[in-house]
N, C-alpha and C. Protein backbone atom coordinates (compact mmCIF):
# COMPACT_ATOMS: atom_id res chain seq x y z
N MET A 1 0.61 -1.02 0.27
CA MET A 1 -0.08 -0.20 -0.23
C MET A 1 0.99 1.50 -0.09
N GLU A 2 0.66 2.25 -1.22
CA GLU A 2 1.56 3.48 -0.63
C GLU A 2 1.09 4.07 0.05
N ARG A 3 2.12 4.94 1.26
CA ARG A 3 1.97 5.88 1.91
C ARG A 3 1.22 7.28 1.18
N PRO A 4 0.51 7.66 1.71
CA PRO A 4 -0.26 9.16 1.75
C PRO A 4 0.86 10.03 1.20
N PRO A 5 0.91 11.25 0.48
CA PRO A 5 2.49 12.14 0.70
C PRO A 5 2.07 12.59 1.91
N ILE A 6 3.20 13.45 2.38
CA ILE A 6 2.77 14.38 3.65
C ILE A 6 3.32 15.85 3.21
N ARG A 7 2.30 17.00 3.62
CA ARG A 7 2.58 17.81 3.15
C ARG A 7 3.31 18.68 4.62
N VAL A 8 4.79 19.57 3.67
CA VAL A 8 5.88 19.99 4.91
C VAL A 8 5.60 21.64 4.03
N ARG A 9 5.91 22.44 5.15
CA ARG A 9 6.37 23.76 4.81
C ARG A 9 7.81 23.94 4.86
N VAL A 10 8.08 23.92 3.46
CA VAL A 10 9.17 24.66 2.99
C VAL A 10 9.49 25.71 2.97
N TRP A 11 8.64 26.83 2.52
CA TRP A 11 9.59 27.77 1.96
C TRP A 11 8.31 29.13 2.75
N ASP A 12 8.96 29.92 3.97
CA ASP A 12 8.26 30.16 4.34
C ASP A 12 7.89 31.58 3.99
N LEU A 13 6.83 32.22 4.39
CA LEU A 13 5.97 33.58 3.66
C LEU A 13 6.97 34.81 3.50
N PRO A 14 8.28 35.21 4.59
CA PRO A 14 8.93 36.21 4.17
C PRO A 14 9.95 35.85 2.84
N THR A 15 10.47 34.62 2.92
CA THR A 15 11.29 34.00 1.73
C THR A 15 10.70 34.20 0.77
N ARG A 16 9.24 33.63 0.21
CA ARG A 16 8.30 33.72 -0.50
C ARG A 16 8.11 35.10 -1.53
N LEU A 17 7.75 36.27 -0.30
CA LEU A 17 7.69 37.59 -0.85
C LEU A 17 8.81 37.83 -1.35
N PHE A 18 10.05 37.74 -0.82
CA PHE A 18 11.53 38.46 -0.90
C PHE A 18 11.45 37.68 -2.56
N HIS A 19 11.33 36.04 -2.59
CA HIS A 19 11.79 35.79 -4.24
C HIS A 19 11.15 36.68 -5.15
N TRP A 20 9.57 36.73 -5.11
CA TRP A 20 8.74 37.54 -6.17
C TRP A 20 8.91 38.67 -6.44
N THR A 21 9.08 39.41 -5.12
CA THR A 21 9.49 40.81 -5.21
C THR A 21 11.21 41.28 -5.78
N LEU A 22 11.71 40.09 -5.70
CA LEU A 22 12.89 40.63 -6.30
C LEU A 22 13.20 40.32 -7.50
N ALA A 23 12.08 38.90 -8.29
CA ALA A 23 11.97 38.65 -9.33
C ALA A 23 11.47 40.03 -10.35
N LEU A 24 10.03 40.99 -9.73
CA LEU A 24 9.78 41.78 -10.01
C LEU A 24 10.67 42.97 -10.56
N CYS A 25 12.00 43.17 -9.25
CA CYS A 25 12.05 43.93 -9.59
C CYS A 25 13.59 43.66 -10.45
N VAL A 26 13.89 42.81 -10.65
CA VAL A 26 15.09 42.12 -11.53
C VAL A 26 14.56 42.79 -13.06
N VAL A 27 13.62 41.95 -13.35
CA VAL A 27 12.46 42.40 -14.46
C VAL A 27 12.57 44.19 -15.00
N GLY A 28 12.23 44.81 -13.72
CA GLY A 28 11.85 46.17 -13.98
C GLY A 28 13.30 46.48 -14.16
N SER A 29 13.75 46.60 -13.61
CA SER A 29 15.06 47.02 -13.60
C SER A 29 16.63 46.96 -15.00
N VAL A 30 15.99 45.64 -15.65
CA VAL A 30 16.68 45.32 -17.18
C VAL A 30 15.78 46.16 -18.07
N VAL A 31 14.43 46.64 -17.91
CA VAL A 31 13.13 46.96 -18.65
C VAL A 31 13.71 48.43 -18.72
N SER A 32 13.52 49.13 -17.64
CA SER A 32 14.00 50.51 -17.41
C SER A 32 15.47 51.08 -17.84
N ALA A 33 16.30 50.23 -17.57
CA ALA A 33 18.09 50.08 -18.00
C ALA A 33 17.85 50.46 -19.59
N LYS A 34 17.45 49.73 -20.39
CA LYS A 34 16.84 49.55 -22.02
C LYS A 34 16.02 50.46 -22.28
N ILE A 35 15.04 51.18 -21.48
CA ILE A 35 14.14 52.18 -21.65
C ILE A 35 15.26 53.89 -21.88
N GLY A 36 16.07 53.82 -20.35
CA GLY A 36 16.68 55.15 -20.37
C GLY A 36 16.00 56.34 -20.59
N GLY A 37 16.77 57.73 -19.95
CA GLY A 37 15.76 58.34 -20.44
C GLY A 37 15.26 58.94 -18.73
N ASN A 38 13.93 58.79 -18.73
CA ASN A 38 13.07 59.32 -17.36
C ASN A 38 12.79 57.72 -16.54
N ALA A 39 12.85 56.71 -17.27
CA ALA A 39 12.67 55.39 -16.74
C ALA A 39 13.90 54.91 -15.76
N LEU A 40 14.86 55.73 -15.81
CA LEU A 40 16.21 55.84 -15.16
C LEU A 40 16.03 56.12 -13.72
N VAL A 41 14.87 56.73 -13.52
CA VAL A 41 14.68 57.31 -12.28
C VAL A 41 14.27 55.94 -11.38
N TRP A 42 13.16 55.03 -12.27
CA TRP A 42 12.86 53.91 -11.32
C TRP A 42 14.04 52.73 -11.78
N HIS A 43 14.75 53.01 -11.93
CA HIS A 43 16.04 51.95 -12.44
C HIS A 43 16.80 52.05 -11.26
N PHE A 44 16.93 53.36 -10.87
CA PHE A 44 17.50 53.62 -9.43
C PHE A 44 16.99 53.06 -8.31
N ARG A 45 15.42 53.77 -8.12
CA ARG A 45 14.40 52.73 -7.58
C ARG A 45 14.57 51.78 -6.94
N LEU A 46 14.28 50.95 -7.97
CA LEU A 46 14.04 49.08 -7.86
C LEU A 46 15.67 48.80 -7.45
N GLY A 47 17.00 49.79 -7.98
CA GLY A 47 17.78 49.24 -7.33
C GLY A 47 18.07 49.04 -5.72
N TYR A 48 17.42 50.18 -5.15
CA TYR A 48 17.18 50.56 -3.81
C TYR A 48 16.66 49.31 -3.07
N VAL A 49 15.40 49.33 -3.80
CA VAL A 49 14.81 48.23 -3.21
C VAL A 49 15.62 46.73 -3.47
N VAL A 50 16.15 45.96 -4.49
CA VAL A 50 17.08 45.09 -4.22
C VAL A 50 18.04 45.43 -3.30
N PHE A 51 18.74 46.07 -3.08
CA PHE A 51 19.66 46.25 -2.50
C PHE A 51 18.98 46.12 -0.78
N THR A 52 17.84 46.38 -1.03
CA THR A 52 17.18 46.06 0.35
C THR A 52 16.95 44.55 0.69
N LEU A 53 16.06 43.73 -0.56
CA LEU A 53 15.91 42.72 -0.58
C LEU A 53 17.35 42.07 -0.16
N LEU A 54 18.44 42.26 -0.96
CA LEU A 54 19.75 41.16 -0.71
C LEU A 54 20.07 41.56 0.66
N ALA A 55 20.01 42.56 1.44
CA ALA A 55 20.60 42.84 2.74
C ALA A 55 19.71 41.61 3.76
N PHE A 56 18.67 42.28 3.21
CA PHE A 56 17.49 41.01 4.69
C PHE A 56 18.07 39.35 4.06
N ARG A 57 18.15 39.06 2.75
CA ARG A 57 18.16 37.44 2.62
C ARG A 57 19.38 37.16 3.47
N LEU A 58 20.46 38.38 3.34
CA LEU A 58 21.92 37.47 3.61
C LEU A 58 21.45 37.72 5.08
N LEU A 59 20.48 38.18 5.80
CA LEU A 59 20.10 38.06 7.50
C LEU A 59 19.11 36.91 7.35
N TRP A 60 18.38 36.64 6.32
CA TRP A 60 17.25 36.09 6.80
C TRP A 60 17.51 34.42 6.54
N GLY A 61 19.10 34.73 5.92
CA GLY A 61 19.98 32.75 5.61
C GLY A 61 20.92 32.90 6.88
N LEU A 62 20.73 33.34 8.14
CA LEU A 62 21.02 32.94 8.66
C LEU A 62 19.96 32.83 10.06
N VAL A 63 18.90 33.19 10.13
CA VAL A 63 17.80 33.15 11.53
C VAL A 63 16.09 33.01 10.50
N GLY A 64 16.44 32.56 9.20
CA GLY A 64 14.93 32.52 8.39
C GLY A 64 14.85 30.89 8.81
N GLY A 65 13.29 30.69 8.35
CA GLY A 65 13.14 29.26 8.07
C GLY A 65 14.33 27.74 7.72
N HIS A 66 14.10 27.15 8.37
CA HIS A 66 14.71 25.76 7.86
C HIS A 66 15.58 26.06 6.54
N TRP A 67 14.56 25.88 5.68
CA TRP A 67 15.20 25.98 3.97
C TRP A 67 15.57 26.55 3.65
N SER A 68 15.53 27.98 4.52
CA SER A 68 15.72 29.34 3.67
C SER A 68 17.51 29.33 4.13
N ARG A 69 17.41 29.31 5.35
CA ARG A 69 18.86 29.12 5.83
C ARG A 69 20.06 28.69 4.97
N PHE A 70 21.52 29.09 5.08
CA PHE A 70 22.37 29.07 4.19
C PHE A 70 22.77 27.70 4.27
N ALA A 71 22.96 27.85 5.55
CA ALA A 71 23.42 26.01 6.54
C ALA A 71 22.57 24.70 6.21
N SER A 72 21.39 25.23 5.76
CA SER A 72 20.65 24.29 5.05
C SER A 72 20.74 23.43 3.41
N PHE A 73 21.37 24.33 2.99
CA PHE A 73 21.42 24.11 1.56
C PHE A 73 22.41 24.67 0.82
N ALA A 74 23.33 25.09 1.23
CA ALA A 74 24.87 25.76 0.47
C ALA A 74 25.45 24.19 0.44
N PRO A 75 25.41 23.67 -0.99
CA PRO A 75 26.48 22.01 -0.44
C PRO A 75 27.82 22.07 -0.62
N SER A 76 28.15 21.51 0.47
CA SER A 76 29.92 20.99 0.55
C SER A 76 29.60 20.61 -0.47
N PRO A 77 31.29 19.90 -1.57
CA PRO A 77 31.91 19.29 -2.11
C PRO A 77 31.23 17.89 -2.20
N GLY A 78 31.49 17.35 -0.76
CA GLY A 78 31.13 15.55 -0.99
C GLY A 78 29.54 15.73 -0.71
N THR A 79 28.75 16.37 -1.05
CA THR A 79 27.17 16.64 -0.42
C THR A 79 26.84 16.66 -2.72
N LEU A 80 27.44 17.88 -3.36
CA LEU A 80 27.00 18.35 -4.38
C LEU A 80 27.90 16.78 -5.20
N ARG A 81 28.63 16.21 -4.70
CA ARG A 81 29.46 14.68 -5.69
C ARG A 81 28.38 13.93 -5.34
N ARG A 82 27.90 13.25 -4.08
CA ARG A 82 26.63 12.45 -3.75
C ARG A 82 25.33 12.59 -4.93
N TYR A 83 25.22 13.88 -4.76
CA TYR A 83 24.00 14.00 -5.43
C TYR A 83 24.21 14.27 -6.39
N LEU A 84 24.98 14.35 -7.62
CA LEU A 84 24.99 14.12 -8.90
C LEU A 84 25.27 12.13 -8.97
N GLY A 85 25.77 11.61 -8.64
CA GLY A 85 26.10 10.57 -8.68
C GLY A 85 24.91 9.73 -7.43
N GLY A 86 23.66 10.42 -7.44
CA GLY A 86 22.55 9.56 -6.96
C GLY A 86 22.77 8.86 -5.88
N THR A 87 23.87 9.27 -5.01
CA THR A 87 24.45 8.58 -3.64
C THR A 87 24.01 9.53 -2.71
N ALA A 88 22.85 9.67 -2.71
CA ALA A 88 22.45 10.73 -1.34
C ALA A 88 22.42 10.30 -0.29
N ARG A 89 22.45 10.68 1.10
CA ARG A 89 22.28 9.87 2.66
C ARG A 89 20.54 9.73 2.52
N PRO A 90 20.19 9.31 3.05
CA PRO A 90 18.50 9.69 3.35
C PRO A 90 18.39 10.86 4.00
N ASP A 91 18.99 11.20 5.02
CA ASP A 91 19.15 12.11 5.82
C ASP A 91 19.39 13.83 5.67
N GLU A 92 19.85 13.54 4.45
CA GLU A 92 20.16 15.17 3.56
C GLU A 92 18.81 15.62 3.11
N HIS A 93 17.95 15.25 2.53
CA HIS A 93 16.98 15.38 1.89
C HIS A 93 17.05 16.61 0.81
N LEU A 94 17.85 16.15 -0.03
CA LEU A 94 18.56 17.07 -0.74
C LEU A 94 17.63 17.72 -2.07
N ASP A 95 16.59 16.98 -1.89
CA ASP A 95 15.39 18.06 -3.28
C ASP A 95 14.24 18.40 -2.37
N VAL A 96 14.39 18.61 -1.15
CA VAL A 96 13.12 19.06 -0.46
C VAL A 96 13.06 21.08 -0.27
N GLY A 97 14.42 21.19 -0.09
CA GLY A 97 14.56 22.51 -0.56
C GLY A 97 15.51 22.98 -2.10
N HIS A 98 16.53 23.24 -1.96
CA HIS A 98 17.18 23.89 -3.64
C HIS A 98 18.04 22.79 -3.56
N SER A 99 18.07 22.15 -4.18
CA SER A 99 18.70 21.09 -4.64
C SER A 99 20.46 21.12 -4.36
N PRO A 100 21.37 20.43 -4.72
CA PRO A 100 22.41 21.39 -4.72
C PRO A 100 23.43 22.07 -5.64
N LEU A 101 22.85 21.91 -7.08
CA LEU A 101 23.22 23.04 -8.50
C LEU A 101 22.04 24.05 -8.18
N GLY A 102 20.93 23.27 -8.01
CA GLY A 102 19.92 24.81 -7.57
C GLY A 102 20.18 25.86 -6.45
N ALA A 103 20.83 25.02 -5.99
CA ALA A 103 21.72 26.04 -4.57
C ALA A 103 22.98 27.03 -4.96
N LEU A 104 23.81 25.85 -5.75
CA LEU A 104 24.92 27.24 -6.28
C LEU A 104 23.92 27.76 -7.48
N SER A 105 22.82 27.98 -7.65
CA SER A 105 22.56 29.00 -8.91
C SER A 105 21.93 29.79 -8.09
N VAL A 106 21.63 29.63 -6.94
CA VAL A 106 20.74 30.47 -6.46
C VAL A 106 21.83 31.94 -5.92
N LEU A 107 23.30 31.42 -5.21
CA LEU A 107 24.16 31.50 -4.81
C LEU A 107 24.49 32.94 -5.80
N ALA A 108 24.95 31.93 -6.80
CA ALA A 108 25.75 32.82 -7.99
C ALA A 108 24.61 34.12 -8.39
N LEU A 109 23.51 33.75 -8.30
CA LEU A 109 22.61 34.85 -8.99
C LEU A 109 22.88 36.55 -7.73
N LEU A 110 22.50 35.56 -6.30
CA LEU A 110 22.60 36.43 -5.25
C LEU A 110 24.23 37.44 -5.32
N ALA A 111 25.29 36.76 -5.31
CA ALA A 111 26.68 37.32 -6.20
C ALA A 111 26.32 38.43 -7.00
N ILE A 112 25.77 38.16 -8.14
CA ILE A 112 25.95 39.00 -9.26
C ILE A 112 25.00 40.23 -8.61
N LEU A 113 23.90 39.61 -8.11
CA LEU A 113 23.03 41.18 -8.24
C LEU A 113 23.72 42.09 -7.48
N ALA A 114 24.25 41.55 -6.03
CA ALA A 114 24.81 42.32 -5.17
C ALA A 114 26.37 43.04 -5.93
N ALA A 115 27.09 42.50 -6.93
CA ALA A 115 27.65 42.73 -7.56
C ALA A 115 27.32 44.43 -8.35
N GLN A 116 26.18 43.80 -8.84
CA GLN A 116 25.26 45.17 -10.11
C GLN A 116 25.00 46.32 -8.92
N VAL A 117 24.34 46.07 -7.83
CA VAL A 117 24.04 46.99 -7.34
C VAL A 117 25.06 48.03 -6.63
N GLY A 118 26.39 47.01 -6.17
CA GLY A 118 27.11 47.96 -5.92
C GLY A 118 28.08 48.55 -6.63
N THR A 119 28.24 48.42 -7.71
CA THR A 119 28.36 49.04 -9.13
C THR A 119 27.78 50.16 -9.78
N GLY A 120 26.27 49.95 -9.20
CA GLY A 120 25.75 51.28 -9.95
C GLY A 120 25.35 52.12 -8.66
N LEU A 121 26.11 51.83 -7.51
CA LEU A 121 26.29 53.12 -6.60
C LEU A 121 27.01 54.10 -6.61
N PHE A 122 28.11 53.58 -7.94
CA PHE A 122 28.80 54.68 -8.12
C PHE A 122 29.35 54.62 -9.86
N ALA A 123 27.68 54.37 -10.44
CA ALA A 123 28.14 54.39 -11.46
C ALA A 123 27.71 55.94 -12.29
N ASP A 124 28.12 56.04 -13.47
CA ASP A 124 27.87 57.41 -14.68
C ASP A 124 27.81 56.63 -15.52
N ASP A 125 26.11 57.21 -16.40
CA ASP A 125 26.05 57.38 -17.84
C ASP A 125 26.76 58.44 -18.68
N GLU A 126 27.68 59.50 -17.45
CA GLU A 126 27.62 60.72 -18.57
C GLU A 126 26.89 61.14 -19.66
N ILE A 127 25.56 61.10 -18.76
CA ILE A 127 24.25 61.78 -19.44
C ILE A 127 23.64 63.00 -18.43
N ALA A 128 22.98 62.18 -17.55
CA ALA A 128 22.44 62.95 -16.36
C ALA A 128 22.12 62.39 -15.33
N ASN A 129 22.22 60.89 -15.10
CA ASN A 129 22.47 60.34 -14.01
C ASN A 129 23.62 59.90 -13.86
N THR A 130 23.88 59.68 -12.08
CA THR A 130 24.79 59.00 -11.23
C THR A 130 24.51 58.34 -10.42
N GLY A 131 25.48 57.39 -9.74
CA GLY A 131 25.52 56.87 -8.67
C GLY A 131 25.26 57.53 -7.53
N PRO A 132 24.72 57.04 -6.83
CA PRO A 132 24.63 58.04 -5.03
C PRO A 132 25.67 58.29 -4.63
N LEU A 133 26.46 57.69 -4.72
CA LEU A 133 27.94 57.43 -4.18
C LEU A 133 28.94 57.89 -4.96
N ILE A 134 29.06 58.27 -5.83
CA ILE A 134 30.06 58.40 -6.76
C ILE A 134 30.82 59.42 -6.73
N ARG A 135 30.86 60.22 -5.71
CA ARG A 135 31.73 60.98 -5.37
C ARG A 135 32.93 60.49 -4.49
N PHE A 136 32.58 59.32 -3.96
CA PHE A 136 33.49 59.02 -3.12
C PHE A 136 34.82 58.01 -3.87
N VAL A 137 34.32 57.70 -5.26
CA VAL A 137 35.41 57.44 -6.32
C VAL A 137 35.94 58.18 -7.41
N SER A 138 37.11 57.84 -7.97
CA SER A 138 37.50 58.79 -8.69
C SER A 138 36.90 58.51 -10.48
N GLY A 139 37.26 59.47 -10.88
CA GLY A 139 36.40 59.41 -12.29
C GLY A 139 36.99 58.34 -12.72
N ALA A 140 38.05 57.55 -12.94
CA ALA A 140 38.54 56.12 -13.29
C ALA A 140 38.03 55.18 -13.13
N THR A 141 37.60 55.38 -11.79
CA THR A 141 37.48 53.98 -10.61
C THR A 141 35.47 54.03 -11.16
N SER A 142 35.03 55.11 -11.77
CA SER A 142 33.60 55.07 -11.44
C SER A 142 33.24 54.79 -13.05
N LEU A 143 34.07 54.67 -14.25
CA LEU A 143 34.00 54.31 -15.23
C LEU A 143 34.02 52.75 -15.44
N LEU A 144 34.93 52.68 -14.86
CA LEU A 144 35.23 51.02 -14.51
C LEU A 144 34.02 50.40 -13.88
N LEU A 145 33.41 50.99 -12.68
CA LEU A 145 32.30 49.82 -12.43
C LEU A 145 31.39 50.31 -13.49
N THR A 146 31.12 51.42 -13.79
CA THR A 146 30.05 51.98 -15.24
C THR A 146 30.33 50.76 -15.83
N GLY A 147 31.29 50.54 -16.72
CA GLY A 147 31.57 49.57 -17.84
C GLY A 147 31.11 48.28 -17.01
N TRP A 148 31.22 47.13 -16.21
CA TRP A 148 30.83 46.35 -15.74
C TRP A 148 29.01 46.22 -15.58
N HIS A 149 29.03 47.31 -14.67
CA HIS A 149 26.97 47.37 -14.39
C HIS A 149 26.27 47.80 -15.72
N LYS A 150 27.22 48.16 -16.45
CA LYS A 150 25.98 47.93 -18.14
C LYS A 150 26.71 47.28 -19.20
N THR A 151 27.66 46.39 -19.27
CA THR A 151 27.73 45.08 -19.82
C THR A 151 27.71 43.87 -19.08
N TRP A 152 29.22 43.00 -18.74
CA TRP A 152 28.89 42.07 -17.85
C TRP A 152 28.22 41.81 -16.96
N GLY A 153 28.37 42.68 -15.85
CA GLY A 153 26.78 42.75 -14.70
C GLY A 153 25.26 42.44 -14.86
N GLN A 154 25.29 43.12 -16.65
CA GLN A 154 23.94 42.75 -16.69
C GLN A 154 23.27 41.45 -17.85
N TRP A 155 24.38 41.69 -18.44
CA TRP A 155 24.34 40.09 -18.99
C TRP A 155 24.74 38.96 -18.31
N LEU A 156 25.25 38.79 -17.28
CA LEU A 156 25.49 37.50 -16.10
C LEU A 156 24.32 37.60 -15.90
N ILE A 157 23.20 38.62 -15.07
CA ILE A 157 22.24 37.86 -14.31
C ILE A 157 21.07 37.92 -15.51
N VAL A 158 21.03 38.76 -16.89
CA VAL A 158 19.91 37.86 -17.84
C VAL A 158 20.27 36.48 -18.30
N THR A 159 21.26 35.93 -18.08
CA THR A 159 21.95 34.55 -17.90
C THR A 159 21.50 33.56 -17.30
N LEU A 160 21.78 33.82 -15.71
CA LEU A 160 21.54 33.20 -14.62
C LEU A 160 20.16 33.76 -14.91
N VAL A 161 19.06 34.32 -14.76
CA VAL A 161 18.10 34.11 -14.89
C VAL A 161 17.09 33.24 -15.78
N LEU A 162 17.94 32.78 -17.51
CA LEU A 162 17.69 32.14 -18.43
C LEU A 162 17.55 30.66 -17.71
N LEU A 163 18.66 30.68 -17.36
CA LEU A 163 18.83 28.95 -16.84
C LEU A 163 18.33 28.54 -15.84
N HIS A 164 17.83 29.60 -14.91
CA HIS A 164 16.94 29.66 -13.81
C HIS A 164 15.50 28.97 -14.30
N VAL A 165 15.14 29.81 -15.07
CA VAL A 165 13.42 29.34 -15.68
C VAL A 165 14.09 27.90 -16.52
N ALA A 166 14.68 27.58 -17.38
CA ALA A 166 15.02 26.72 -18.04
C ALA A 166 15.19 25.70 -17.07
N ALA A 167 15.56 26.00 -15.89
CA ALA A 167 16.11 24.37 -14.99
C ALA A 167 14.38 24.23 -14.39
N ILE A 168 13.44 25.49 -14.11
CA ILE A 168 12.27 25.32 -13.58
C ILE A 168 11.51 24.10 -14.97
N VAL A 169 11.64 24.77 -16.01
CA VAL A 169 10.76 24.18 -17.06
C VAL A 169 11.46 22.50 -17.53
N TYR A 170 12.51 22.47 -17.18
CA TYR A 170 13.29 21.36 -17.07
C TYR A 170 12.31 20.29 -16.14
N TYR A 171 12.81 20.54 -14.85
CA TYR A 171 12.19 19.84 -13.67
C TYR A 171 10.68 19.71 -13.99
N ARG A 172 9.84 20.43 -14.38
CA ARG A 172 8.27 20.08 -14.85
C ARG A 172 8.25 19.14 -15.52
N VAL A 173 8.64 19.39 -17.05
CA VAL A 173 8.45 18.38 -18.08
C VAL A 173 9.26 17.07 -18.00
N ALA A 174 10.43 17.34 -17.53
CA ALA A 174 10.99 15.88 -17.47
C ALA A 174 11.23 15.31 -16.29
N ARG A 175 10.80 15.88 -15.23
CA ARG A 175 10.74 15.09 -14.00
C ARG A 175 9.71 15.33 -12.84
N ARG A 176 8.71 15.84 -13.58
CA ARG A 176 7.35 16.18 -13.17
C ARG A 176 7.42 16.59 -11.69
N ARG A 177 8.57 17.50 -11.64
CA ARG A 177 8.02 18.05 -10.57
C ARG A 177 8.05 19.96 -10.48
N ASP A 178 7.07 20.56 -9.66
CA ASP A 178 6.90 21.08 -9.67
C ASP A 178 7.49 22.29 -8.69
N LEU A 179 8.12 23.34 -9.33
CA LEU A 179 9.15 24.25 -8.40
C LEU A 179 8.37 25.47 -7.92
N ILE A 180 7.32 25.81 -9.25
CA ILE A 180 6.73 27.23 -8.62
C ILE A 180 5.51 27.19 -7.50
N GLY A 181 4.89 26.23 -7.43
CA GLY A 181 4.19 26.01 -6.71
C GLY A 181 4.26 26.15 -5.31
N PRO A 182 5.03 25.11 -4.84
CA PRO A 182 5.75 25.35 -3.25
C PRO A 182 6.16 27.11 -3.71
N MET A 183 6.91 27.66 -3.83
CA MET A 183 7.39 28.99 -3.93
C MET A 183 5.88 29.84 -3.98
N LEU A 184 5.16 29.22 -4.38
CA LEU A 184 3.31 30.44 -4.00
C LEU A 184 2.77 30.02 -3.04
N ARG A 185 2.67 28.31 -3.00
CA ARG A 185 2.16 28.04 -1.38
C ARG A 185 3.14 27.83 -0.30
N GLY A 186 4.20 27.82 -0.10
CA GLY A 186 4.57 27.23 0.84
C GLY A 186 5.03 26.18 0.56
N ASP A 187 4.09 25.22 0.72
CA ASP A 187 4.25 23.57 1.01
C ASP A 187 4.80 22.76 -0.27
N LYS A 188 5.10 21.66 -0.13
CA LYS A 188 5.34 20.63 -0.71
C LYS A 188 4.85 19.47 -0.20
N LEU A 189 4.21 18.49 -1.06
CA LEU A 189 4.10 16.84 -0.79
C LEU A 189 5.08 15.99 -1.17
N LEU A 190 5.54 15.55 0.25
CA LEU A 190 6.86 14.77 0.16
C LEU A 190 6.57 13.64 0.27
N GLU A 191 7.45 12.32 -0.23
CA GLU A 191 7.51 10.84 -0.13
C GLU A 191 7.55 10.49 1.30
N ARG A 192 8.42 11.33 2.19
CA ARG A 192 8.69 10.69 3.25
C ARG A 192 9.17 12.00 4.32
N PRO A 193 9.06 12.16 5.61
CA PRO A 193 9.48 13.24 6.53
C PRO A 193 10.55 13.88 6.16
N ALA A 194 10.37 15.33 6.28
CA ALA A 194 11.50 15.97 6.40
C ALA A 194 11.40 16.96 7.28
N PRO A 195 12.30 18.07 7.78
CA PRO A 195 12.30 18.86 8.72
C PRO A 195 11.21 20.19 8.02
N ALA A 196 10.08 20.69 9.01
CA ALA A 196 9.85 21.97 8.31
C ALA A 196 10.04 23.28 8.68
N SER A 197 10.13 24.28 7.79
CA SER A 197 10.36 25.72 8.27
C SER A 197 9.66 26.19 9.14
N ALA A 198 10.09 26.78 10.08
CA ALA A 198 9.19 27.76 10.86
C ALA A 198 8.22 28.90 10.08
N ASP A 199 7.44 29.04 9.95
CA ASP A 199 6.67 30.09 9.58
C ASP A 199 5.36 30.59 10.09
N THR A 200 5.81 31.42 11.36
CA THR A 200 4.59 31.68 12.44
C THR A 200 4.79 33.66 12.55
N PRO A 201 3.73 33.69 13.19
CA PRO A 201 3.15 35.08 13.21
C PRO A 201 5.28 36.32 13.97
N ARG A 202 5.52 34.95 14.75
CA ARG A 202 6.17 35.43 15.18
C ARG A 202 7.45 35.34 14.29
N SER A 203 7.64 34.76 13.71
CA SER A 203 9.17 34.36 12.23
C SER A 203 8.70 35.65 11.46
N ARG A 204 7.22 35.42 10.89
CA ARG A 204 6.69 37.00 10.39
C ARG A 204 7.05 38.58 10.53
N LEU A 205 7.03 38.40 11.62
CA LEU A 205 7.38 39.62 12.58
C LEU A 205 8.43 40.07 12.79
N LEU A 206 9.49 39.08 12.76
CA LEU A 206 10.99 39.16 12.66
C LEU A 206 11.69 39.93 11.16
N ALA A 207 10.65 39.27 10.50
CA ALA A 207 11.05 39.32 8.71
C ALA A 207 11.43 40.96 8.54
N ALA A 208 9.78 41.30 8.97
CA ALA A 208 9.48 42.57 8.61
C ALA A 208 10.04 43.78 9.55
N LEU A 209 10.68 43.27 10.45
CA LEU A 209 11.64 44.03 11.54
C LEU A 209 12.82 44.44 10.76
N LEU A 210 13.46 42.89 10.07
CA LEU A 210 14.46 43.02 9.43
C LEU A 210 14.12 43.60 8.04
N VAL A 211 13.30 43.51 7.55
CA VAL A 211 13.27 44.72 6.19
C VAL A 211 13.36 45.97 6.59
N GLY A 212 12.75 46.13 7.31
CA GLY A 212 12.17 47.79 8.04
C GLY A 212 13.87 48.34 7.94
N ALA A 213 14.62 47.41 8.86
CA ALA A 213 16.44 48.11 9.35
C ALA A 213 16.81 47.78 8.18
N CYS A 214 16.58 46.79 7.21
CA CYS A 214 17.40 46.78 6.12
C CYS A 214 17.44 48.09 5.30
N ALA A 215 16.25 48.36 5.47
CA ALA A 215 15.77 49.63 4.40
C ALA A 215 16.36 50.74 4.79
N ALA A 216 16.20 50.93 5.97
CA ALA A 216 17.02 52.17 6.86
C ALA A 216 18.56 52.21 6.57
N ALA A 217 19.01 51.07 6.54
CA ALA A 217 20.29 51.14 6.41
C ALA A 217 20.74 51.44 5.16
N VAL A 218 20.00 50.78 3.98
CA VAL A 218 19.71 51.42 2.62
C VAL A 218 19.56 52.88 2.38
N GLY A 219 18.96 53.13 3.16
CA GLY A 219 18.53 54.71 2.92
C GLY A 219 19.71 55.82 3.65
N ALA A 220 20.10 55.15 4.85
CA ALA A 220 20.99 55.83 5.67
C ALA A 220 22.76 55.93 4.60
N ILE A 221 22.80 54.58 3.51
CA ILE A 221 24.25 54.44 2.86
C ILE A 221 23.88 55.28 1.97
N VAL A 222 22.70 55.79 0.94
CA VAL A 222 22.28 55.82 -0.59
C VAL A 222 22.48 57.85 0.24
N SER A 223 21.91 58.24 0.93
CA SER A 223 22.12 59.39 1.62
C SER A 223 23.81 60.18 2.19
N LEU A 224 24.40 59.18 1.88
CA LEU A 224 26.08 59.59 1.90
C LEU A 224 26.34 60.33 0.72
N GLY A 225 25.93 60.48 -0.14
CA GLY A 225 26.01 60.62 -1.35
C GLY A 225 26.12 62.53 -1.26
N GLY A 226 24.47 62.50 -0.18
CA GLY A 226 24.46 64.08 -0.38
C GLY A 226 23.11 64.07 -1.00
């Protein structure tokens, strides 16, 4: 007799809101950059939101729900090797949250977004828009950072996003696994028990306080430019 699937809370609400808000902001940032002109005002605003989200995700990766913590999904070389070889230990639960390959993709995307935000703070389009912290670097440094921001950084983000979407389609079509549904609902139906992520009013309040603190910190950093 087959066992009924077990419903487990994998993605807490703060993680889900982070994910979808970041996705919208990244799309909006790319589109506003391509439009240029007055749309660059929104490009900067969205960049500050992404800055806030990344700062929050760094903190939430330490204190958030079980499957949102870096300790639960950042793979070691041994874990990655076992996953690729199909010899994962039962206690590792490598397909509950981010798989080891998915984790590497997530970490790479967060790192590239952080670099993109950082370079944007010092960028200069040599027309009418400059990053808020441009006065703290030389013209040559600003030019170098602007070059990364407008070329390599932008295309790396687009490439990683497309790979992310391709992976979602692959899992859906080839492996019959829905990755979008759990990121919307929070729960996954699993064949065997696994640790659940805390997703309580208390944890959500903590997340809200962290977002507020991160937003205040980003505002303070941006205001340093005068």
